[in-house]
């Protein structure tokens, strides 16, 4: 695998609605493998790879990550924020963050020490107002650099974890990685392939909605992470996917019921090409797949997912083999999607 590319993608900041810096990385990596690159009003990047007259296939991998938005700097220099995306409040405590003002400031997500918590405070889940960001500067200096509406992202570098890789924002920089690797591997194809790095997925699939309505694909394929709840305590019937078992072919999530024809096509080409794969049903949580399916007059849409542990935490973890299997499957889908659309 290209560990350097994955690290660049994961470590680049890009809170919802503030994806400028990750967008620069995507454009740089995408440009050599497409005929044209465009950016729409929502900030989503589309790389167009022309084909031989086949249907338009839209790939969608969102590039935003969970983050925060600054709401206030108090008289002691502490920063208050609101969350952007679905945080588990327990995971925000004792984390390092980066406040992206006129310059980047390293901060820590502070909270009341356990020593002075009441018994009730110790038992309940943290509330948004329990957290603040300390950047170690006096209020006057903080206010020179930070203003309302500035984004905040989590600070964590990519690391090897035995056979696995771990970082913040594998949701969904892993999907971007798979999409970019698939573009590199894409061989002859009759379809026009439009690979889109979408914005604001974590706050409601907003970028995918606009991109899909503008592009009006006949066939769509989202690329995102999914839950690998394969650790201790997981019951067999609760397991969505397993790490190391290959690319996940989505059948259902809370936003889409994938057509049987799309599932069967993905399974068939995975079998034909010897690509490890598994089926995925995720009862909660949605992806850009929904917006692909509802685009224009409607599209045949599915999703290739990367099994990931500890989702929406700063230690998201996946298997390199699953990343490469997913990239192989996405490339194969683009090469054969004309058969699906007939």
Foldseek 3Di string as FASTA:
>chain_A
DPVVLLQVLQQFAAAFQRHVRSLVSLCVLQVVLADDWDADPSGKIKGKHAAAPFFEEEEEAASHAKWWFWDDQDQFRKTATDTQFDAQQVQQEFFWKWWPFQHIAIWTWYFDDPVPDDPVRVPDRDDSVRIIIDRPDGNVVNVVTDDGGTMMGTGWTWDDDPQKIWFGPVFPSLQSLLLSLLSVVADHARHIYMYMHFGSVRRPLVRLLVVLQVVVGQEYEYEGADEQPPDPPDDPVRGFDHFPQAKEWECEEPQDHADPLVSVVLVVLCVVVVQGYYYGYYDYDDGSQNSNQVHDVGHRYIYIHFHWYPPNHGTIMHGPSRSVSSSVSVSSCRRCVSVSSD
